[in-house]
N, C-alpha and C. Protein backbone atom coordinates (compact mmCIF):
# COMPACT_ATOMS: atom_id res chain seq x y z
N MET A 1 97.57 -8.47 4.33
CA MET A 1 97.57 -7.00 3.98
C MET A 1 96.51 -6.86 4.85
N PHE A 2 97.17 -5.35 5.62
CA PHE A 2 96.40 -4.84 6.79
C PHE A 2 94.84 -4.36 6.38
N ASP A 3 93.99 -4.92 7.19
CA ASP A 3 92.35 -4.08 6.76
C ASP A 3 92.31 -3.38 8.29
N PHE A 4 92.38 -1.86 8.00
CA PHE A 4 91.91 -1.23 9.58
C PHE A 4 90.71 -1.40 9.53
N GLU A 5 89.69 -1.47 8.89
CA GLU A 5 88.26 -1.37 8.91
C GLU A 5 87.70 -2.86 9.68
N ASN A 6 88.23 -3.87 9.03
CA ASN A 6 88.23 -5.62 9.38
C ASN A 6 88.61 -5.19 11.36
N CYS A 7 89.97 -4.79 11.95
CA CYS A 7 90.36 -4.44 13.08
C CYS A 7 89.03 -4.18 13.99
N LEU A 8 88.83 -2.65 13.13
CA LEU A 8 87.78 -2.15 14.03
C LEU A 8 86.90 -2.71 14.34
N GLY A 9 85.88 -2.91 13.32
CA GLY A 9 84.98 -4.20 13.01
C GLY A 9 85.13 -5.04 14.37
N GLU A 10 86.10 -5.80 14.79
CA GLU A 10 86.71 -6.64 15.70
C GLU A 10 86.65 -6.35 17.01
N LEU A 11 87.02 -5.02 16.88
CA LEU A 11 86.94 -4.22 18.25
C LEU A 11 85.83 -3.87 18.97
N LYS A 12 84.99 -3.75 17.90
CA LYS A 12 83.91 -3.30 18.31
C LYS A 12 83.24 -4.22 18.95
N ASP A 13 83.30 -5.57 18.12
CA ASP A 13 82.47 -6.33 18.47
C ASP A 13 83.13 -7.13 19.77
N ARG A 14 84.06 -7.04 20.45
CA ARG A 14 85.11 -7.40 21.41
C ARG A 14 84.49 -6.81 22.89
N SER A 15 84.37 -5.01 22.28
CA SER A 15 83.92 -4.09 23.48
C SER A 15 82.62 -3.99 23.46
N LYS A 16 81.90 -4.95 22.95
CA LYS A 16 80.27 -4.56 22.52
C LYS A 16 79.86 -4.79 23.89
N ASN A 17 80.47 -5.12 25.09
CA ASN A 17 79.77 -5.30 26.78
C ASN A 17 81.15 -4.59 27.64
N VAL A 18 81.80 -3.67 27.32
CA VAL A 18 82.36 -2.32 28.24
C VAL A 18 82.03 -1.27 28.14
N GLU A 19 81.83 -0.97 28.93
CA GLU A 19 81.21 0.98 28.87
C GLU A 19 82.55 1.42 28.13
N ILE A 20 82.13 2.36 27.62
CA ILE A 20 83.47 3.19 26.86
C ILE A 20 83.64 4.22 27.90
N ASN A 21 84.74 4.12 28.81
CA ASN A 21 84.87 5.67 30.08
C ASN A 21 86.10 5.47 30.08
N GLY A 22 86.80 6.46 30.92
CA GLY A 22 87.89 6.18 31.45
C GLY A 22 88.83 5.46 32.26
N ILE A 23 87.69 4.43 32.46
CA ILE A 23 88.44 3.49 33.24
C ILE A 23 88.93 2.58 32.76
N ASN A 24 87.58 2.02 31.80
CA ASN A 24 87.54 0.73 31.12
C ASN A 24 88.57 1.37 29.82
N LEU A 25 88.82 2.29 29.72
CA LEU A 25 89.38 2.55 28.34
C LEU A 25 90.59 1.69 28.12
N MET A 26 91.57 0.67 29.30
CA MET A 26 93.20 0.39 29.33
C MET A 26 92.39 -1.06 28.41
N ILE A 27 91.42 -1.36 29.04
CA ILE A 27 90.70 -2.88 28.93
C ILE A 27 90.52 -2.71 27.32
N ILE A 28 89.65 -1.85 26.74
CA ILE A 28 89.57 -1.29 25.09
C ILE A 28 91.16 -1.57 24.52
N VAL A 29 91.90 -1.05 25.33
CA VAL A 29 93.62 -1.25 24.79
C VAL A 29 94.01 -2.18 24.42
N LYS A 30 94.02 -3.20 25.49
CA LYS A 30 94.37 -4.65 25.56
C LYS A 30 93.50 -5.38 24.62
N TYR A 31 92.19 -5.37 24.06
CA TYR A 31 91.65 -5.98 23.30
C TYR A 31 92.24 -5.29 21.96
N GLY A 32 92.49 -4.11 21.08
CA GLY A 32 92.89 -3.21 20.58
C GLY A 32 94.73 -4.06 20.49
N MET A 33 95.24 -4.50 21.03
CA MET A 33 96.53 -5.19 21.13
C MET A 33 96.61 -6.59 20.43
N GLU A 34 95.65 -7.55 21.07
CA GLU A 34 95.52 -8.16 21.16
C GLU A 34 95.11 -8.65 19.72
N ILE A 35 94.31 -7.86 18.67
CA ILE A 35 93.86 -8.06 17.14
C ILE A 35 95.08 -7.47 16.68
N ILE A 36 95.90 -6.57 17.05
CA ILE A 36 96.62 -5.97 15.84
C ILE A 36 97.73 -6.88 16.32
N GLU A 37 97.91 -7.52 17.50
CA GLU A 37 99.22 -8.74 17.39
C GLU A 37 99.22 -9.94 16.47
N ILE A 38 98.09 -9.92 15.74
CA ILE A 38 97.95 -11.36 14.96
C ILE A 38 98.19 -10.33 13.30
N THR A 39 98.50 -9.29 13.11
CA THR A 39 98.31 -9.10 11.88
C THR A 39 99.97 -8.97 11.43
N GLU A 40 100.63 -8.30 10.47
CA GLU A 40 101.87 -8.42 9.45
C GLU A 40 102.32 -7.24 10.27
N LEU A 41 101.80 -5.95 10.82
CA LEU A 41 102.30 -5.15 11.95
C LEU A 41 103.10 -5.03 12.59
N LYS A 42 104.23 -4.66 13.04
CA LYS A 42 105.39 -4.60 13.68
C LYS A 42 105.56 -3.49 14.48
N GLY A 43 105.98 -3.27 15.73
CA GLY A 43 107.00 -2.26 16.75
C GLY A 43 105.59 -1.06 16.91
N ILE A 44 106.33 0.03 16.12
CA ILE A 44 105.73 1.50 16.24
C ILE A 44 104.31 1.34 15.60
N GLU A 45 104.25 0.78 14.53
CA GLU A 45 103.24 0.61 13.61
C GLU A 45 102.00 0.31 14.17
N GLN A 46 102.24 -0.89 15.17
CA GLN A 46 101.28 -1.35 16.05
C GLN A 46 100.52 -0.59 17.22
N LYS A 47 101.56 -0.09 17.95
CA LYS A 47 101.15 0.76 18.36
C LYS A 47 100.08 2.05 18.08
N GLU A 48 100.62 2.71 16.72
CA GLU A 48 100.11 3.76 16.25
C GLU A 48 98.85 3.05 15.85
N ILE A 49 98.51 2.27 15.14
CA ILE A 49 97.19 1.88 14.81
C ILE A 49 96.17 1.01 16.09
N VAL A 50 97.13 0.90 17.30
CA VAL A 50 95.87 0.26 18.28
C VAL A 50 95.32 1.51 18.42
N ILE A 51 96.23 2.83 18.78
CA ILE A 51 95.94 4.13 19.29
C ILE A 51 94.99 4.75 18.15
N LYS A 52 94.95 4.12 16.96
CA LYS A 52 93.91 4.76 16.25
C LYS A 52 92.62 3.93 16.29
N LEU A 53 92.81 2.56 16.12
CA LEU A 53 91.63 1.88 16.59
C LEU A 53 91.35 2.64 17.64
N VAL A 54 91.82 2.68 19.26
CA VAL A 54 90.79 2.74 20.05
C VAL A 54 90.26 4.70 19.69
N LYS A 55 91.12 5.09 19.26
CA LYS A 55 90.20 6.89 19.33
C LYS A 55 89.04 6.70 18.22
N THR A 56 89.03 6.27 17.51
CA THR A 56 87.78 5.30 15.80
C THR A 56 86.86 5.40 16.73
N LEU A 57 87.06 4.08 17.46
CA LEU A 57 85.68 3.55 18.59
C LEU A 57 85.33 4.54 19.10
N VAL A 58 86.07 5.57 20.05
CA VAL A 58 85.30 6.21 20.48
C VAL A 58 84.84 7.23 20.01
N LYS A 59 85.38 7.98 19.21
CA LYS A 59 84.29 8.71 18.21
C LYS A 59 83.12 8.26 17.66
N GLU A 60 83.43 7.09 17.03
CA GLU A 60 82.08 6.32 16.72
C GLU A 60 80.89 5.87 17.59
N SER A 61 81.49 5.72 19.15
CA SER A 61 80.27 5.37 19.98
C SER A 61 79.36 6.37 20.26
N GLU A 62 78.58 5.77 20.96
CA GLU A 62 77.42 6.63 21.17
C GLU A 62 77.15 7.12 22.55
N ILE A 63 78.19 7.21 23.15
CA ILE A 63 78.74 8.13 24.16
C ILE A 63 78.34 9.60 24.20
N ASN A 64 78.34 10.32 25.93
CA ASN A 64 77.89 11.39 25.57
C ASN A 64 79.03 12.11 24.76
N ASP A 65 78.99 13.65 24.32
CA ASP A 65 80.19 14.38 23.80
C ASP A 65 81.20 14.40 25.01
N ASP A 66 80.92 14.93 26.25
CA ASP A 66 81.60 15.35 27.13
C ASP A 66 82.38 13.97 27.66
N VAL A 67 82.13 12.68 27.71
CA VAL A 67 82.82 11.22 27.64
C VAL A 67 83.75 11.68 26.50
N LYS A 68 83.38 12.00 25.71
CA LYS A 68 84.02 11.78 24.12
C LYS A 68 85.48 12.68 24.19
N LYS A 69 85.35 13.38 25.13
CA LYS A 69 86.17 14.94 24.72
C LYS A 69 87.30 14.26 25.86
N GLU A 70 86.40 14.10 26.98
CA GLU A 70 87.80 13.33 28.02
C GLU A 70 88.62 12.02 27.59
N LEU A 71 87.84 11.66 27.18
CA LEU A 71 88.86 10.23 26.65
C LEU A 71 89.68 10.74 25.52
N ASP A 72 89.35 11.74 24.38
CA ASP A 72 90.61 11.82 23.43
C ASP A 72 91.48 13.10 24.04
N ASN A 73 90.74 13.29 25.17
CA ASN A 73 92.60 14.08 25.73
C ASN A 73 93.04 13.41 26.41
N ILE A 74 92.53 11.92 27.40
CA ILE A 74 93.16 10.73 27.92
C ILE A 74 94.33 9.97 26.56
N ILE A 75 93.83 10.07 25.32
CA ILE A 75 94.71 9.54 24.70
C ILE A 75 95.46 10.87 23.88
N ASP A 76 94.95 11.96 23.24
CA ASP A 76 96.18 12.89 23.22
C ASP A 76 97.45 13.19 23.72
N SER A 77 97.06 13.22 25.12
CA SER A 77 97.77 13.19 26.48
C SER A 77 99.30 12.14 26.01
N GLY A 78 99.02 11.05 25.44
CA GLY A 78 100.32 10.43 25.61
C GLY A 78 99.93 8.99 26.48
N ALA A 79 98.89 8.95 27.18
CA ALA A 79 99.07 7.92 28.46
C ALA A 79 98.79 6.65 27.67
N LEU A 80 97.82 6.38 26.47
CA LEU A 80 97.85 5.09 25.57
C LEU A 80 99.02 5.04 25.08
N SER A 81 99.68 5.17 24.66
CA SER A 81 101.32 5.23 24.19
C SER A 81 102.13 4.83 25.40
N VAL A 82 101.99 5.60 26.48
CA VAL A 82 102.66 5.20 27.69
C VAL A 82 102.54 3.72 27.96
N THR A 83 101.06 3.23 28.05
CA THR A 83 100.49 2.30 28.44
C THR A 83 100.68 0.84 27.63
N ILE A 84 100.75 1.48 26.41
CA ILE A 84 101.28 -0.07 25.35
C ILE A 84 102.90 -0.33 25.78
N ASP A 85 103.42 0.69 25.58
CA ASP A 85 104.59 0.54 25.88
C ASP A 85 104.96 -0.31 26.82
N LEU A 86 104.42 -0.04 28.48
CA LEU A 86 104.51 -0.97 29.66
C LEU A 86 103.59 -2.28 29.70
N LEU A 87 102.64 -2.66 28.39
CA LEU A 87 102.43 -3.80 28.98
C LEU A 87 103.35 -4.83 27.72
N VAL A 88 103.92 -4.06 26.72
CA VAL A 88 104.88 -4.63 25.67
C VAL A 88 105.81 -5.18 26.23
N GLU A 89 106.30 -4.33 27.48
CA GLU A 89 107.75 -4.26 28.51
C GLU A 89 107.24 -5.89 29.43
N ALA A 90 105.86 -5.81 30.14
CA ALA A 90 105.51 -6.54 30.60
C ALA A 90 105.35 -8.24 29.98
N SER A 91 105.32 -7.91 28.70
CA SER A 91 104.80 -9.15 27.87
C SER A 91 106.19 -9.74 27.91
N LYS A 92 107.19 -9.09 27.72
CA LYS A 92 108.72 -9.48 27.09
C LYS A 92 109.38 -9.83 29.05
N GLY A 93 108.72 -10.05 29.41
CA GLY A 93 109.09 -10.27 31.05
C GLY A 93 109.87 -9.13 31.58
N ASN A 94 110.28 -7.45 31.47
CA ASN A 94 110.76 -6.82 31.07
C ASN A 94 110.45 -6.12 32.41
N LEU A 95 109.74 -6.26 33.09
CA LEU A 95 109.40 -5.99 34.43
C LEU A 95 109.70 -6.48 35.83
N ASN A 96 110.14 -5.74 36.68
CA ASN A 96 110.65 -6.89 38.15
C ASN A 96 109.58 -6.13 38.90
N ILE A 97 108.09 -6.73 38.73
CA ILE A 97 107.38 -6.48 39.67
C ILE A 97 107.09 -7.59 40.33
N ASN A 98 107.54 -9.02 40.20
CA ASN A 98 107.75 -10.18 41.10
C ASN A 98 109.26 -10.65 41.38
N LEU A 99 109.89 -9.44 41.07
CA LEU A 99 111.11 -10.15 41.81
C LEU A 99 111.45 -10.28 42.87
N LYS A 100 110.77 -10.05 44.23
CA LYS A 100 110.78 -10.53 45.10
C LYS A 100 110.78 -11.86 45.64
N LYS A 101 109.70 -12.22 45.24
CA LYS A 101 109.68 -13.64 44.94
C LYS A 101 110.34 -14.59 44.31
N LYS A 102 110.77 -14.25 43.32
CA LYS A 102 112.08 -14.76 42.42
C LYS A 102 113.41 -14.55 43.39
N LEU A 103 113.69 -13.78 43.93
CA LEU A 103 115.18 -13.78 44.71
C LEU A 103 114.51 -14.73 45.71
N LYS A 104 113.23 -15.26 46.30
CA LYS A 104 113.18 -15.89 47.90
C LYS A 104 113.20 -17.20 46.90
N ARG A 105 113.14 -17.52 45.94
CA ARG A 105 112.89 -19.10 45.34
C ARG A 105 114.58 -19.20 44.85
N PHE A 106 114.73 -18.13 44.25
CA PHE A 106 116.60 -18.41 44.19
C PHE A 106 117.34 -18.93 45.03
N CYS A 107 116.94 -17.81 46.33
CA CYS A 107 117.87 -17.72 47.17
C CYS A 107 117.31 -19.27 48.08
N CYS A 108 116.42 -19.72 48.28
CA CYS A 108 116.18 -20.95 49.50
C CYS A 108 116.07 -21.71 48.38
N VAL A 109 116.69 -22.30 47.34
CA VAL A 109 117.00 -23.69 46.70
C VAL A 109 118.45 -24.08 46.74
């Protein structure tokens, strides 16, 4: 059974040495994705919970209110959702980032 508070505690623990700001927000998203991946949740549920975890972490953090507002704006803009989709596509090998290297190897064989 899924336990949000347990996952949040693990995210807090993994993020304790990471300054919570706009630059490091995607590192925190990565941690959230790794934590949620081992739960029984799948697909859109995983993404929604990761976003909720990150949003809760920001809300409960001791950073100043201006930074919290900035991060909330980033989260609410859909940037995390798109980032998660991109990371999922990359994990499935659906990005052609290294296509040139693959083509070069194929052509030279």
